[in-house]
Amino acid sequence: MLHAARCANGKLGKATGIEMKIELLSDIPVSCRPFRMNEKDKQEARETIKGLLEEGIIRESQSPYASPILFVLKKTGDRRMCVDYRPLNKLTRKEHYPLPLIEDLLNRLTGCSVFTSLDLASGYHQVPKAADSINKTAFVPPEGQYEYMRMPLGLCNAPAMF
């Protein structure tokens, strides 16, 4: 099931002013065949893909790139559909984003008395991708081929971009 942060109009939010670009070290497309799945997993994949299509996060694809999908268990016991981008990540030029020292961040909180937390549900899916990078995130469930128009989980540069 797709859980997403919604705007007032009920649609998934979309960041502006940024795009995720995937730069590869090779022009040879990464193409892997789908992983074998039981019927329950296939049905769950169909439902997840249907939701992603309705949200405009993915579209059908004929890309020469193809990464397989699988399901992983979350801490809650729910299952999440993931794309195995490991072969693509090996060819991706890595972006480096230095993280601040946690001690410095904690020191900045000295004297503060009001704190909050943010729920970044579907945060990655709110970051658009550059047009020339869309075909590189193509994935192959047991039926069909699709590609992400927004930033997916599993790409090596996604955390730095986010």
C-alpha atoms as a PDB file:
ATOM      1  CA  MET A   1       0.000   0.000   0.000  1.00  0.00           C
ATOM      2  CA  LEU A   2       1.296   3.457  -0.918  1.00  0.00           C
ATOM      3  CA  HIS A   3       1.532   5.893   1.978  1.00  0.00           C
ATOM      4  CA  ALA A   4       2.227   9.460   0.962  1.00  0.00           C
ATOM      5  CA  ALA A   5       2.354  12.971   2.333  1.00  0.00           C
ATOM      6  CA  ARG A   6      -0.522  14.877   0.777  1.00  0.00           C
ATOM      7  CA  CYS A   7      -0.995  18.509  -0.093  1.00  0.00           C
ATOM      8  CA  ALA A   8      -4.274  20.290   0.623  1.00  0.00           C
ATOM      9  CA  ASN A   9      -5.560  19.132  -2.790  1.00  0.00           C
ATOM     10  CA  GLY A  10      -4.934  15.473  -1.905  1.00  0.00           C
ATOM     11  CA  LYS A  11      -1.967  15.087  -4.278  1.00  0.00           C
ATOM     12  CA  LEU A  12       1.565  14.058  -3.394  1.00  0.00           C
ATOM     13  CA  GLY A  13       3.774  17.123  -2.998  1.00  0.00           C
ATOM     14  CA  LYS A  14       6.558  17.880  -5.470  1.00  0.00           C
ATOM     15  CA  ALA A  15       9.750  19.808  -4.728  1.00  0.00           C
ATOM     16  CA  THR A  16      10.618  22.723  -6.985  1.00  0.00           C
ATOM     17  CA  GLY A  17      13.964  24.206  -7.924  1.00  0.00           C
ATOM     18  CA  ILE A  18      15.841  20.881  -7.779  1.00  0.00           C
ATOM     19  CA  GLU A  19      16.109  17.729  -9.866  1.00  0.00           C
ATOM     20  CA  MET A  20      17.960  14.514  -9.293  1.00  0.00           C
ATOM     21  CA  LYS A  21      20.489  13.785 -12.024  1.00  0.00           C
ATOM     22  CA  ILE A  22      22.180  10.405 -12.364  1.00  0.00           C
ATOM     23  CA  GLU A  23      25.681  10.582 -13.864  1.00  0.00           C
ATOM     24  CA  LEU A  24      27.170   7.248 -14.903  1.00  0.00           C
ATOM     25  CA  LEU A  25      30.792   6.264 -15.479  1.00  0.00           C
ATOM     26  CA  SER A  26      29.787   4.131 -18.482  1.00  0.00           C
ATOM     27  CA  ASP A  27      27.284   4.432 -21.326  1.00  0.00           C
ATOM     28  CA  ILE A  28      26.549   0.688 -21.278  1.00  0.00           C
ATOM     29  CA  PRO A  29      23.019   0.195 -19.862  1.00  0.00           C
ATOM     30  CA  VAL A  30      22.594  -1.922 -16.736  1.00  0.00           C
ATOM     31  CA  SER A  31      20.038  -4.625 -17.496  1.00  0.00           C
ATOM     32  CA  CYS A  32      19.023  -7.473 -15.179  1.00  0.00           C
ATOM     33  CA  ARG A  33      16.182  -9.944 -15.473  1.00  0.00           C
ATOM     34  CA  PRO A  34      13.339  -9.933 -12.922  1.00  0.00           C
ATOM     35  CA  PHE A  35      13.619 -11.980  -9.749  1.00  0.00           C
ATOM     36  CA  ARG A  36      11.310 -14.969  -9.453  1.00  0.00           C
ATOM     37  CA  MET A  37       8.247 -14.309  -7.254  1.00  0.00           C
ATOM     38  CA  ASN A  38       5.365 -16.273  -5.843  1.00  0.00           C
ATOM     39  CA  GLU A  39       1.798 -15.298  -6.746  1.00  0.00           C
ATOM     40  CA  LYS A  40       1.259 -13.321  -3.511  1.00  0.00           C
ATOM     41  CA  ASP A  41       4.329 -11.168  -4.233  1.00  0.00           C
ATOM     42  CA  LYS A  42       3.244 -10.672  -7.848  1.00  0.00           C
ATOM     43  CA  GLN A  43      -0.171  -9.442  -6.688  1.00  0.00           C
ATOM     44  CA  GLU A  44       1.391  -7.081  -4.156  1.00  0.00           C
ATOM     45  CA  ALA A  45       3.735  -5.767  -6.872  1.00  0.00           C
ATOM     46  CA  ARG A  46       0.733  -5.112  -9.166  1.00  0.00           C
ATOM     47  CA  GLU A  47      -1.049  -3.167  -6.422  1.00  0.00           C
ATOM     48  CA  THR A  48       2.027  -1.124  -5.520  1.00  0.00           C
ATOM     49  CA  ILE A  49       2.757  -0.333  -9.178  1.00  0.00           C
ATOM     50  CA  LYS A  50      -0.864   0.660  -9.749  1.00  0.00           C
ATOM     51  CA  GLY A  51      -0.637   3.138  -6.853  1.00  0.00           C
ATOM     52  CA  LEU A  52       2.694   4.554  -8.093  1.00  0.00           C
ATOM     53  CA  LEU A  53       1.227   4.987 -11.594  1.00  0.00           C
ATOM     54  CA  GLU A  54      -1.853   6.766 -10.226  1.00  0.00           C
ATOM     55  CA  GLU A  55       0.378   9.132  -8.218  1.00  0.00           C
ATOM     56  CA  GLY A  56       2.496   9.949 -11.285  1.00  0.00           C
ATOM     57  CA  ILE A  57       5.649   8.669  -9.580  1.00  0.00           C
ATOM     58  CA  ILE A  58       6.365   6.069 -12.275  1.00  0.00           C
ATOM     59  CA  ARG A  59       5.390   5.480 -15.889  1.00  0.00           C
ATOM     60  CA  GLU A  60       5.640   2.590 -18.332  1.00  0.00           C
ATOM     61  CA  SER A  61       9.056   2.206 -19.893  1.00  0.00           C
ATOM     62  CA  GLN A  62      10.969   0.779 -22.827  1.00  0.00           C
ATOM     63  CA  SER A  63      14.365   1.749 -21.434  1.00  0.00           C
ATOM     64  CA  PRO A  64      17.464  -0.348 -22.138  1.00  0.00           C
ATOM     65  CA  TYR A  65      18.076  -0.171 -18.368  1.00  0.00           C
ATOM     66  CA  ALA A  66      16.331  -2.717 -16.154  1.00  0.00           C
ATOM     67  CA  SER A  67      16.679  -3.458 -12.438  1.00  0.00           C
ATOM     68  CA  PRO A  68      14.690  -6.185 -10.651  1.00  0.00           C
ATOM     69  CA  ILE A  69      12.315  -5.673  -7.720  1.00  0.00           C
ATOM     70  CA  LEU A  70      11.972  -7.517  -4.440  1.00  0.00           C
ATOM     71  CA  PHE A  71      10.072  -7.121  -1.173  1.00  0.00           C
ATOM     72  CA  VAL A  72      11.713  -6.392   2.186  1.00  0.00           C
ATOM     73  CA  LEU A  73      10.195  -6.431   5.657  1.00  0.00           C
ATOM     74  CA  LYS A  74       9.905  -3.131   7.513  1.00  0.00           C
ATOM     75  CA  LYS A  75      10.204  -2.882  11.307  1.00  0.00           C
ATOM     76  CA  THR A  76       6.412  -2.733  11.510  1.00  0.00           C
ATOM     77  CA  GLY A  77       6.082  -6.092   9.759  1.00  0.00           C
ATOM     78  CA  ASP A  78       4.750  -4.458   6.589  1.00  0.00           C
ATOM     79  CA  ARG A  79       6.487  -5.162   3.316  1.00  0.00           C
ATOM     80  CA  ARG A  80       8.047  -2.582   1.018  1.00  0.00           C
ATOM     81  CA  MET A  81       8.683  -3.036  -2.682  1.00  0.00           C
ATOM     82  CA  CYS A  82      12.319  -2.190  -3.418  1.00  0.00           C
ATOM     83  CA  VAL A  83      14.303  -2.000  -6.629  1.00  0.00           C
ATOM     84  CA  ASP A  84      17.732  -3.649  -6.614  1.00  0.00           C
ATOM     85  CA  TYR A  85      19.854  -0.794  -7.959  1.00  0.00           C
ATOM     86  CA  ARG A  86      23.191  -2.290  -6.821  1.00  0.00           C
ATOM     87  CA  PRO A  87      24.553  -2.824 -10.371  1.00  0.00           C
ATOM     88  CA  LEU A  88      23.469   0.714 -11.373  1.00  0.00           C
ATOM     89  CA  ASN A  89      24.982   2.180  -8.184  1.00  0.00           C
ATOM     90  CA  LYS A  90      28.362   0.605  -9.024  1.00  0.00           C
ATOM     91  CA  LEU A  91      28.448   2.706 -12.220  1.00  0.00           C
ATOM     92  CA  THR A  92      27.098   5.914 -10.679  1.00  0.00           C
ATOM     93  CA  ARG A  93      29.412   8.871 -10.027  1.00  0.00           C
ATOM     94  CA  LYS A  94      29.101   9.336  -6.264  1.00  0.00           C
ATOM     95  CA  GLU A  95      28.137  12.705  -4.811  1.00  0.00           C
ATOM     96  CA  HIS A  96      29.755  13.647  -1.536  1.00  0.00           C
ATOM     97  CA  TYR A  97      27.796  15.594   1.017  1.00  0.00           C
ATOM     98  CA  PRO A  98      29.590  16.076   4.319  1.00  0.00           C
ATOM     99  CA  LEU A  99      27.358  15.600   7.341  1.00  0.00           C
ATOM    100  CA  PRO A 100      27.701  18.084  10.200  1.00  0.00           C
ATOM    101  CA  LEU A 101      29.095  16.948  13.542  1.00  0.00           C
ATOM    102  CA  ILE A 102      26.289  15.773  15.828  1.00  0.00           C
ATOM    103  CA  GLU A 103      27.949  17.535  18.776  1.00  0.00           C
ATOM    104  CA  ASP A 104      27.720  20.873  16.946  1.00  0.00           C
ATOM    105  CA  LEU A 105      24.045  20.295  16.202  1.00  0.00           C
ATOM    106  CA  LEU A 106      23.280  19.391  19.812  1.00  0.00           C
ATOM    107  CA  ASN A 107      25.135  22.484  21.067  1.00  0.00           C
ATOM    108  CA  ARG A 108      22.859  24.652  18.929  1.00  0.00           C
ATOM    109  CA  LEU A 109      19.888  23.343  20.924  1.00  0.00           C
ATOM    110  CA  THR A 110      21.198  24.789  24.200  1.00  0.00           C
ATOM    111  CA  GLY A 111      18.495  26.952  25.781  1.00  0.00           C
ATOM    112  CA  CYS A 112      15.743  25.776  23.423  1.00  0.00           C
ATOM    113  CA  SER A 113      12.469  24.685  24.988  1.00  0.00           C
ATOM    114  CA  VAL A 114      10.170  23.868  22.037  1.00  0.00           C
ATOM    115  CA  PHE A 115      10.927  20.893  19.816  1.00  0.00           C
ATOM    116  CA  THR A 116       9.043  19.247  16.961  1.00  0.00           C
ATOM    117  CA  SER A 117       9.444  16.367  14.577  1.00  0.00           C
ATOM    118  CA  LEU A 118       8.598  16.064  10.909  1.00  0.00           C
ATOM    119  CA  ASP A 119       7.111  13.094   9.131  1.00  0.00           C
ATOM    120  CA  LEU A 120       8.858  12.860   5.787  1.00  0.00           C
ATOM    121  CA  ALA A 121       6.551  10.168   4.397  1.00  0.00           C
ATOM    122  CA  SER A 122       7.299   9.604   0.715  1.00  0.00           C
ATOM    123  CA  GLY A 123       9.899  12.380   0.870  1.00  0.00           C
ATOM    124  CA  TYR A 124      12.053  10.838  -1.846  1.00  0.00           C
ATOM    125  CA  HIS A 125       9.048  10.571  -4.160  1.00  0.00           C
ATOM    126  CA  GLN A 126       8.597  14.335  -3.926  1.00  0.00           C
ATOM    127  CA  VAL A 127      11.952  15.057  -5.616  1.00  0.00           C
ATOM    128  CA  PRO A 128      11.673  15.182  -9.446  1.00  0.00           C
ATOM    129  CA  LYS A 129      14.335  13.610 -11.655  1.00  0.00           C
ATOM    130  CA  ALA A 130      16.136  15.227 -14.571  1.00  0.00           C
ATOM    131  CA  ALA A 131      14.605  14.163 -17.892  1.00  0.00           C
ATOM    132  CA  ASP A 132      17.815  12.459 -19.064  1.00  0.00           C
ATOM    133  CA  SER A 133      17.980  10.373 -15.865  1.00  0.00           C
ATOM    134  CA  ILE A 134      14.458   8.944 -15.896  1.00  0.00           C
ATOM    135  CA  ASN A 135      15.236   5.943 -18.133  1.00  0.00           C
ATOM    136  CA  LYS A 136      18.162   4.889 -15.888  1.00  0.00           C
ATOM    137  CA  THR A 137      15.804   3.959 -13.036  1.00  0.00           C
ATOM    138  CA  ALA A 138      13.767   1.519 -15.102  1.00  0.00           C
ATOM    139  CA  PHE A 139      12.731  -1.582 -13.191  1.00  0.00           C
ATOM    140  CA  VAL A 140      11.249  -4.912 -14.137  1.00  0.00           C
ATOM    141  CA  PRO A 141       8.627  -6.601 -11.996  1.00  0.00           C
ATOM    142  CA  PRO A 142       7.524 -10.027 -13.220  1.00  0.00           C
ATOM    143  CA  GLU A 143       5.140  -8.252 -15.634  1.00  0.00           C
ATOM    144  CA  GLY A 144       6.056  -5.140 -17.637  1.00  0.00           C
ATOM    145  CA  GLN A 145       8.708  -2.456 -17.266  1.00  0.00           C
ATOM    146  CA  TYR A 146       8.431   0.919 -15.533  1.00  0.00           C
ATOM    147  CA  GLU A 147      10.653   3.881 -14.732  1.00  0.00           C
ATOM    148  CA  TYR A 148      10.653   6.437 -11.933  1.00  0.00           C
ATOM    149  CA  MET A 149       9.889  10.064 -12.779  1.00  0.00           C
ATOM    150  CA  ARG A 150      10.614  10.979  -9.149  1.00  0.00           C
ATOM    151  CA  MET A 151      13.560   9.985  -6.961  1.00  0.00           C
ATOM    152  CA  PRO A 152      13.278   6.369  -5.768  1.00  0.00           C
ATOM    153  CA  LEU A 153      14.773   4.667  -2.735  1.00  0.00           C
ATOM    154  CA  GLY A 154      17.903   2.619  -3.319  1.00  0.00           C
ATOM    155  CA  LEU A 155      20.006   4.975  -5.420  1.00  0.00           C
ATOM    156  CA  CYS A 156      23.409   5.682  -3.904  1.00  0.00           C
ATOM    157  CA  ASN A 157      23.073   9.473  -4.297  1.00  0.00           C
ATOM    158  CA  ALA A 158      19.469   9.717  -3.068  1.00  0.00           C
ATOM    159  CA  PRO A 159      20.327  10.434   0.601  1.00  0.00           C
ATOM    160  CA  ALA A 160      22.702  13.272  -0.379  1.00  0.00           C
ATOM    161  CA  MET A 161      20.123  14.672  -2.798  1.00  0.00           C
ATOM    162  CA  PHE A 162      17.381  14.503  -0.185  1.00  0.00           C
END
